[in-house]
Amino acid sequence: MYDVRYSYLLEQFSDPAPILAEIGRLVATGDFTLGKPVAEFEKRFAELIGVRHAIGVGSGTDALKLPLKALGIGHGDEVITAANTFIATVGAIAETGATPVLVDCDDSFCMNVDQVEAAITKKTKAIMPVQLTGEVTDMGKLMPIAQRHNLPVVEDACQGILSEFAGKRSGTHGIAAGFSLHPLKNLNVWGDAGVVVTNDDGMNEKLRLIRNHGMKNRDEISILGCNSRLDSLQAVVGNWLIGQTGEITRRRIENAAYYDAGLAGLPGLRVPTRRPNVKHVYHLYMVFAERRDELYKYCLDNGIEAKIHYPIPLYQQEGLKHLGYAPGTFPVTDRHAKEVISFPVDQHLTRAQQDRVIETVRKFCHGR
């Protein structure tokens, strides 16, 4: 047990009775597959992001894969994405049969857009920027590159609900974007679920076909699709929480600012630069520590449940060796794997808990 825990789910759902009552009403209708709760959630999610269409799917990974499939991307194609990301990004690209092509990140934790153009080849068919940690890729630089090369952009916004670049919300920059509703996301449900958003009517129609076996109706198959429908039960949970998303985001931003002030200037610790044109929504709160592994152990030993995202660079994982990247290919990603540490930042943290984190880190940095 930790004095400051990382997962807040027991607090968030300490009184599940209202949600269970809604689920009970769903059970009474038998409306379990693409039912009324799904349509309601899709409408509300589209309004939340500020897009024309939201399509509920089975997971955040599918929310990345299905737009690529809708674009016709497959074997022999390449999709450019960030070297520093969760496996789902690269996995979604690979599931289409395409090859992930990686570029290094910068200290925003997102893709270094200055390296993108050099990665474009005749086989490149799309770019997938990752809004990692709730930060945002420099979309102001990326979109002109994509437009110049006539490449669609599919945002991996799985960690970036309500994040913004230059006042423009994540999910509204490219042809489509994928979001995750995983239990530890800023808007979460009780299992795996995801949402694709788009302003393109044709993309919307194709995605709705793909997620439901390509079925035009009960008897007609328009295209080959798959089974990736947002579960009605998860939509019930999503509908119960979606109205809280703005307040959850505000609290996380507030908590991050409190950490930033409390951790600033400590020896051997560096708070990332906060860009004024970015609304960072802090799915993760991460800082750089020179003695990261020692600090991590010190926090755990002193009741602080810190985390490391991610200790092994993705391109060096055993399962991705076939991509052919040699160790050292992405030096910033490598450095992050050695220096980054994550602290709890969720909306249920108390100031006393945050003070406990700050004081613990200060003691470590000052050698007490």
Protein backbone atom coordinates (compact mmCIF):
# COMPACT_ATOMS: atom_id res chain seq x y z
CA MET A 1 0.00 0.00 0.00
CA TYR A 2 1.20 3.52 -0.80
CA ASP A 3 0.40 6.82 0.90
CA VAL A 4 0.15 8.36 -2.57
CA ARG A 5 -1.17 5.78 -5.03
CA TYR A 6 -1.04 5.97 -8.82
CA SER A 7 -4.42 4.47 -9.75
CA TYR A 8 -7.42 6.52 -8.63
CA LEU A 9 -10.13 4.12 -9.80
CA LEU A 10 -11.23 3.03 -6.32
CA GLU A 11 -11.89 6.68 -5.47
CA GLN A 12 -13.51 7.55 -8.77
CA PHE A 13 -15.92 4.64 -8.52
CA SER A 14 -16.33 4.47 -4.74
CA ASP A 15 -20.10 4.72 -5.27
CA PRO A 16 -20.91 2.78 -8.44
CA ALA A 17 -24.64 2.57 -7.65
CA PRO A 18 -25.76 5.29 -10.12
CA ILE A 19 -23.87 3.62 -12.99
CA LEU A 20 -25.10 0.17 -12.02
CA ALA A 21 -28.65 1.51 -12.01
CA GLU A 22 -28.15 2.79 -15.57
CA ILE A 23 -26.72 -0.59 -16.59
CA GLY A 24 -29.76 -2.24 -15.03
CA ARG A 25 -32.01 -0.14 -17.24
CA LEU A 26 -29.92 -1.15 -20.26
CA VAL A 27 -30.28 -4.84 -19.37
CA ALA A 28 -34.04 -4.41 -19.24
CA THR A 29 -34.03 -3.21 -22.87
CA GLY A 30 -31.73 -5.90 -24.31
CA ASP A 31 -30.14 -3.12 -26.39
CA PHE A 32 -26.62 -4.54 -26.16
CA THR A 33 -25.06 -4.02 -29.62
CA LEU A 34 -24.70 -0.53 -31.13
CA GLY A 35 -27.65 0.50 -29.04
CA LYS A 36 -29.07 3.83 -27.94
CA PRO A 37 -26.35 4.50 -25.32
CA VAL A 38 -23.69 4.20 -28.03
CA ALA A 39 -25.44 6.70 -30.30
CA GLU A 40 -25.84 9.10 -27.37
CA PHE A 41 -22.18 8.80 -26.38
CA GLU A 42 -20.99 9.30 -29.96
CA LYS A 43 -23.04 12.49 -30.23
CA ARG A 44 -21.74 13.84 -26.94
CA PHE A 45 -18.12 12.91 -27.71
CA ALA A 46 -18.28 14.63 -31.11
CA GLU A 47 -19.57 17.76 -29.35
CA LEU A 48 -16.82 17.49 -26.71
CA ILE A 49 -14.05 17.43 -29.33
CA GLY A 50 -15.79 19.79 -31.73
CA VAL A 51 -16.13 17.52 -34.77
CA ARG A 52 -18.94 16.34 -37.02
CA HIS A 53 -18.62 12.62 -36.32
CA ALA A 54 -17.51 10.27 -33.52
CA ILE A 55 -17.49 6.51 -34.07
CA GLY A 56 -17.30 4.24 -31.03
CA VAL A 57 -14.99 1.24 -31.39
CA GLY A 58 -13.65 -1.58 -29.24
CA SER A 59 -10.36 -0.03 -28.10
CA GLY A 60 -7.99 2.87 -28.52
CA THR A 61 -5.80 0.64 -30.67
CA ASP A 62 -8.70 -0.01 -33.03
CA ALA A 63 -9.39 3.74 -33.05
CA LEU A 64 -5.96 4.11 -34.69
CA LYS A 65 -6.11 1.06 -36.94
CA LEU A 66 -9.56 1.56 -38.47
CA PRO A 67 -8.88 5.00 -40.01
CA LEU A 68 -5.76 3.58 -41.65
CA LYS A 69 -7.82 0.72 -43.05
CA ALA A 70 -10.43 3.21 -44.25
CA LEU A 71 -7.65 5.04 -46.12
CA GLY A 72 -6.73 1.80 -47.88
CA ILE A 73 -3.34 1.52 -46.19
CA GLY A 74 -1.87 -1.98 -46.16
CA HIS A 75 1.02 -4.20 -47.23
CA GLY A 76 3.90 -2.37 -48.88
CA ASP A 77 2.90 1.00 -47.41
CA GLU A 78 4.67 3.06 -44.75
CA VAL A 79 3.24 5.21 -41.97
CA ILE A 80 5.43 7.71 -40.14
CA THR A 81 5.02 7.95 -36.38
CA ALA A 82 6.96 8.77 -33.21
CA ALA A 83 9.72 6.57 -31.82
CA ASN A 84 8.60 7.45 -28.30
CA THR A 85 5.10 6.07 -27.87
CA PHE A 86 3.08 3.21 -26.41
CA ILE A 87 3.12 -0.02 -28.40
CA ALA A 88 -0.50 0.46 -29.53
CA THR A 89 0.54 3.16 -32.02
CA VAL A 90 3.04 0.97 -33.83
CA GLY A 91 0.87 -2.11 -33.34
CA ALA A 92 -2.10 -0.46 -35.04
CA ILE A 93 0.02 0.43 -38.07
CA ALA A 94 1.49 -3.07 -38.24
CA GLU A 95 -1.97 -4.68 -38.02
CA THR A 96 -2.88 -3.08 -41.34
CA GLY A 97 0.18 -4.74 -42.91
CA ALA A 98 1.97 -1.41 -43.29
CA THR A 99 5.47 -0.68 -41.97
CA PRO A 100 5.89 1.82 -39.11
CA VAL A 101 8.61 4.37 -39.86
CA LEU A 102 9.85 6.11 -36.72
CA VAL A 103 11.20 9.59 -36.05
CA ASP A 104 12.70 10.79 -32.78
CA CYS A 105 10.87 12.89 -30.20
CA ASP A 106 11.91 16.12 -28.52
CA ASP A 107 11.53 17.18 -24.89
CA SER A 108 7.81 17.81 -25.38
CA PHE A 109 7.64 13.96 -25.46
CA CYS A 110 6.08 14.24 -28.93
CA MET A 111 7.49 13.67 -32.42
CA ASN A 112 10.23 16.04 -33.59
CA VAL A 113 8.46 17.45 -36.63
CA ASP A 114 11.75 18.77 -38.07
CA GLN A 115 12.72 15.14 -38.77
CA VAL A 116 9.51 14.11 -40.53
CA GLU A 117 10.23 15.25 -44.08
CA ALA A 118 13.46 13.26 -44.26
CA ALA A 119 11.50 10.09 -43.36
CA ILE A 120 9.03 10.45 -46.26
CA THR A 121 9.51 8.01 -49.15
CA LYS A 122 7.47 6.92 -52.15
CA LYS A 123 5.92 4.26 -49.90
CA THR A 124 4.72 6.75 -47.26
CA LYS A 125 0.93 6.80 -47.16
CA ALA A 126 0.13 8.61 -43.88
CA ILE A 127 1.58 10.39 -40.84
CA MET A 128 0.45 9.49 -37.31
CA PRO A 129 1.58 12.08 -34.73
CA VAL A 130 1.18 11.02 -31.10
CA GLN A 131 -0.17 13.44 -28.49
CA LEU A 132 1.82 11.63 -25.80
CA THR A 133 1.19 12.32 -22.10
CA GLY A 134 -1.52 14.84 -23.04
CA GLU A 135 1.08 17.05 -24.75
CA VAL A 136 0.61 17.96 -28.43
CA THR A 137 2.86 17.57 -31.47
CA ASP A 138 3.71 20.82 -33.25
CA MET A 139 0.75 20.55 -35.59
CA GLY A 140 1.44 24.03 -36.94
CA LYS A 141 4.62 22.67 -38.54
CA LEU A 142 3.37 19.17 -39.30
CA MET A 143 0.21 19.93 -41.27
CA PRO A 144 1.94 21.99 -44.00
CA ILE A 145 4.47 19.15 -44.48
CA ALA A 146 1.64 16.64 -44.82
CA GLN A 147 -0.24 18.89 -47.24
CA ARG A 148 2.87 19.51 -49.33
CA HIS A 149 3.34 15.75 -49.78
CA ASN A 150 -0.40 15.01 -50.06
CA LEU A 151 -0.31 12.73 -47.02
CA PRO A 152 -3.30 12.21 -44.70
CA VAL A 153 -2.72 12.79 -40.99
CA VAL A 154 -4.34 10.44 -38.47
CA GLU A 155 -3.74 11.69 -34.94
CA ASP A 156 -2.99 9.30 -32.12
CA ALA A 157 -4.84 11.36 -29.52
CA CYS A 158 -5.38 8.41 -27.18
CA GLN A 159 -3.72 10.31 -24.32
CA GLY A 160 -4.88 13.74 -25.41
CA ILE A 161 -8.59 14.32 -24.79
CA LEU A 162 -9.21 18.12 -24.73
CA SER A 163 -5.55 18.97 -25.42
CA GLU A 164 -4.93 21.81 -27.88
CA PHE A 165 -2.25 23.27 -30.13
CA ALA A 166 -2.58 27.00 -30.86
CA GLY A 167 -6.22 26.90 -29.76
CA LYS A 168 -7.10 23.99 -32.04
CA ARG A 169 -8.18 20.82 -30.27
CA SER A 170 -6.45 17.47 -30.73
CA GLY A 171 -8.57 15.35 -33.02
CA THR A 172 -9.45 18.23 -35.34
CA HIS A 173 -6.19 18.62 -37.30
CA GLY A 174 -6.13 15.65 -39.69
CA ILE A 175 -8.54 13.43 -41.61
CA ALA A 176 -9.26 11.45 -38.43
CA ALA A 177 -8.04 10.83 -34.89
CA GLY A 178 -8.18 7.99 -32.42
CA PHE A 179 -8.96 8.33 -28.71
CA SER A 180 -8.77 5.75 -25.93
CA LEU A 181 -11.27 5.32 -23.09
CA HIS A 182 -9.03 2.91 -21.17
CA PRO A 183 -9.68 2.96 -17.39
CA LEU A 184 -6.72 5.26 -16.63
CA LYS A 185 -7.42 7.82 -19.36
CA ASN A 186 -8.82 11.27 -18.54
CA LEU A 187 -12.24 10.11 -19.81
CA ASN A 188 -12.50 6.45 -18.94
CA VAL A 189 -14.82 3.46 -18.86
CA TRP A 190 -14.81 0.03 -17.19
CA GLY A 191 -12.73 -1.79 -19.80
CA ASP A 192 -11.32 -1.31 -23.28
CA ALA A 193 -13.05 1.14 -25.59
CA GLY A 194 -12.11 3.80 -28.11
CA VAL A 195 -13.49 6.52 -30.36
CA VAL A 196 -12.54 7.69 -33.85
CA VAL A 197 -13.42 11.27 -34.74
CA THR A 198 -13.56 12.90 -38.16
CA ASN A 199 -15.05 15.85 -40.00
CA ASP A 200 -15.06 13.88 -43.26
CA ASP A 201 -18.48 12.43 -44.14
CA GLY A 202 -17.03 9.73 -46.36
CA MET A 203 -14.57 8.62 -43.67
CA ASN A 204 -17.42 8.50 -41.16
CA GLU A 205 -19.51 6.23 -43.41
CA LYS A 206 -16.60 3.91 -44.13
CA LEU A 207 -15.57 3.65 -40.47
CA ARG A 208 -19.10 2.71 -39.43
CA LEU A 209 -19.04 -0.08 -42.00
CA ILE A 210 -15.57 -1.33 -41.06
CA ARG A 211 -16.28 -1.55 -37.32
CA ASN A 212 -19.37 -3.71 -37.95
CA HIS A 213 -18.09 -6.40 -40.34
CA GLY A 214 -18.67 -4.15 -43.35
CA MET A 215 -22.42 -4.71 -43.02
CA LYS A 216 -24.59 -2.28 -44.94
CA ASN A 217 -27.59 -3.89 -43.26
CA ARG A 218 -28.40 -7.27 -41.73
CA ASP A 219 -28.14 -9.06 -45.08
CA GLU A 220 -25.68 -7.06 -47.19
CA ILE A 221 -21.88 -6.76 -46.86
CA SER A 222 -20.47 -3.66 -48.55
CA ILE A 223 -16.78 -4.15 -47.71
CA LEU A 224 -14.61 -6.46 -45.66
CA GLY A 225 -14.61 -5.11 -42.14
CA CYS A 226 -14.05 -6.39 -38.61
CA ASN A 227 -15.85 -6.55 -35.28
CA SER A 228 -14.90 -3.48 -33.25
CA ARG A 229 -18.06 -1.99 -31.83
CA LEU A 230 -18.18 0.20 -28.75
CA ASP A 231 -19.98 -1.94 -26.19
CA SER A 232 -23.33 -0.53 -25.04
CA LEU A 233 -22.42 -1.19 -21.41
CA GLN A 234 -19.20 0.83 -21.77
CA ALA A 235 -21.18 3.59 -23.47
CA VAL A 236 -23.39 3.77 -20.37
CA VAL A 237 -20.29 4.37 -18.24
CA GLY A 238 -18.98 6.89 -20.76
CA ASN A 239 -22.26 8.81 -20.74
CA TRP A 240 -22.16 8.97 -16.95
CA LEU A 241 -18.62 10.44 -16.98
CA ILE A 242 -18.39 12.57 -20.12
CA GLY A 243 -19.95 15.60 -18.49
CA GLN A 244 -17.13 15.58 -15.93
CA THR A 245 -14.33 15.66 -18.51
CA GLY A 246 -13.86 19.43 -18.44
CA GLU A 247 -13.56 19.52 -14.65
CA ILE A 248 -11.24 16.48 -14.62
CA THR A 249 -9.02 18.24 -17.15
CA ARG A 250 -9.01 21.48 -15.16
CA ARG A 251 -7.99 19.66 -11.97
CA ARG A 252 -5.16 17.79 -13.69
CA ILE A 253 -3.78 21.01 -15.19
CA GLU A 254 -4.02 22.68 -11.79
CA ASN A 255 -2.23 19.77 -10.09
CA ALA A 256 0.52 19.80 -12.72
CA ALA A 257 1.12 23.53 -12.18
CA TYR A 258 1.41 22.89 -8.44
CA TYR A 259 4.03 20.20 -9.07
CA ASP A 260 5.89 22.45 -11.52
CA ALA A 261 6.22 25.16 -8.87
CA GLY A 262 7.17 22.72 -6.11
CA LEU A 263 9.77 20.82 -8.12
CA ALA A 264 11.36 23.76 -9.95
CA GLY A 265 15.09 24.29 -9.48
CA LEU A 266 15.88 21.06 -7.67
CA PRO A 267 19.40 19.72 -8.35
CA GLY A 268 19.40 16.80 -10.76
CA LEU A 269 15.72 17.31 -11.67
CA ARG A 270 14.28 19.16 -14.65
CA VAL A 271 10.67 20.15 -15.23
CA PRO A 272 9.86 20.15 -18.98
CA THR A 273 9.37 23.48 -20.68
CA ARG A 274 5.67 24.33 -20.91
CA ARG A 275 4.88 25.77 -24.34
CA PRO A 276 2.43 28.71 -24.15
CA ASN A 277 0.59 27.68 -27.33
CA VAL A 278 -0.18 24.16 -26.02
CA LYS A 279 -2.94 23.07 -23.67
CA HIS A 280 -1.32 20.05 -22.00
CA VAL A 281 -3.99 17.91 -20.27
CA TYR A 282 -1.63 15.69 -18.25
CA HIS A 283 -2.71 12.16 -18.85
CA LEU A 284 0.80 11.74 -17.43
CA TYR A 285 2.88 14.13 -15.37
CA MET A 286 6.54 13.48 -16.17
CA VAL A 287 9.82 15.16 -15.27
CA PHE A 288 13.47 14.41 -16.04
CA ALA A 289 15.75 13.05 -13.31
CA GLU A 290 19.49 12.44 -13.68
CA ARG A 291 19.38 9.60 -11.13
CA ARG A 292 15.96 8.41 -12.21
CA ASP A 293 16.18 4.78 -11.13
CA GLU A 294 17.43 5.75 -7.68
CA LEU A 295 14.69 8.36 -7.33
CA TYR A 296 12.08 5.85 -8.44
CA LYS A 297 13.15 3.35 -5.78
CA TYR A 298 13.35 6.10 -3.16
CA CYS A 299 9.78 7.17 -3.92
CA LEU A 300 8.45 3.61 -3.70
CA ASP A 301 10.32 3.02 -0.44
CA ASN A 302 8.77 6.20 0.97
CA GLY A 303 5.15 5.51 0.06
CA ILE A 304 4.97 7.33 -3.29
CA GLU A 305 3.77 5.15 -6.17
CA ALA A 306 5.74 6.66 -9.05
CA LYS A 307 5.88 5.08 -12.50
CA ILE A 308 8.28 4.94 -15.46
CA HIS A 309 6.92 5.55 -18.98
CA TYR A 310 8.75 3.80 -20.69
CA PRO A 311 12.01 2.18 -19.43
CA ILE A 312 12.81 0.30 -22.68
CA PRO A 313 12.66 2.36 -25.89
CA LEU A 314 9.97 0.93 -28.13
CA TYR A 315 12.27 0.45 -31.11
CA GLN A 316 14.63 -1.66 -28.97
CA GLN A 317 11.91 -4.08 -27.84
CA GLU A 318 12.31 -7.71 -28.87
CA GLY A 319 9.01 -7.68 -30.73
CA LEU A 320 10.08 -4.78 -32.96
CA LYS A 321 13.57 -5.91 -33.94
CA HIS A 322 12.30 -6.68 -37.43
CA LEU A 323 11.99 -2.92 -38.06
CA GLY A 324 15.79 -2.88 -38.21
CA TYR A 325 16.61 0.13 -36.02
CA ALA A 326 20.02 -0.09 -34.34
CA PRO A 327 20.52 1.01 -30.72
CA GLY A 328 21.22 4.73 -30.64
CA THR A 329 19.12 5.55 -33.70
CA PHE A 330 16.82 7.78 -31.62
CA PRO A 331 18.99 9.49 -28.99
CA VAL A 332 16.27 11.67 -27.42
CA THR A 333 13.95 8.69 -27.04
CA ASP A 334 16.87 6.79 -25.45
CA ARG A 335 17.52 9.63 -23.02
CA HIS A 336 13.88 9.80 -22.03
CA ALA A 337 13.88 6.08 -21.31
CA LYS A 338 16.71 6.69 -18.81
CA GLU A 339 15.55 9.99 -17.27
CA VAL A 340 11.75 10.24 -17.22
CA ILE A 341 9.70 9.56 -14.08
CA SER A 342 5.92 9.94 -13.68
CA PHE A 343 4.05 11.10 -10.58
CA PRO A 344 0.30 10.80 -9.86
CA VAL A 345 -1.54 13.86 -11.18
CA ASP A 346 -5.19 12.78 -11.20
CA GLN A 347 -8.20 14.79 -10.12
CA HIS A 348 -8.59 12.94 -6.81
CA LEU A 349 -5.20 13.93 -5.39
CA THR A 350 -5.23 16.16 -2.33
CA ARG A 351 -2.77 19.01 -1.81
CA ALA A 352 -1.41 17.08 1.18
CA GLN A 353 -0.63 14.14 -1.10
CA GLN A 354 1.06 16.39 -3.64
CA ASP A 355 3.07 18.04 -0.87
CA ARG A 356 4.14 14.57 0.23
CA VAL A 357 5.40 13.85 -3.31
CA ILE A 358 7.21 17.18 -3.56
CA GLU A 359 8.85 16.84 -0.13
CA THR A 360 9.96 13.28 -0.88
CA VAL A 361 11.56 14.36 -4.17
CA ARG A 362 13.20 17.38 -2.50
CA LYS A 363 14.73 15.20 0.21
CA PHE A 364 16.16 12.88 -2.42
CA CYS A 365 17.57 15.69 -4.55
CA HIS A 366 19.20 17.36 -1.53
CA GLY A 367 20.61 14.05 -0.27
CA ARG A 368 18.73 13.97 3.03
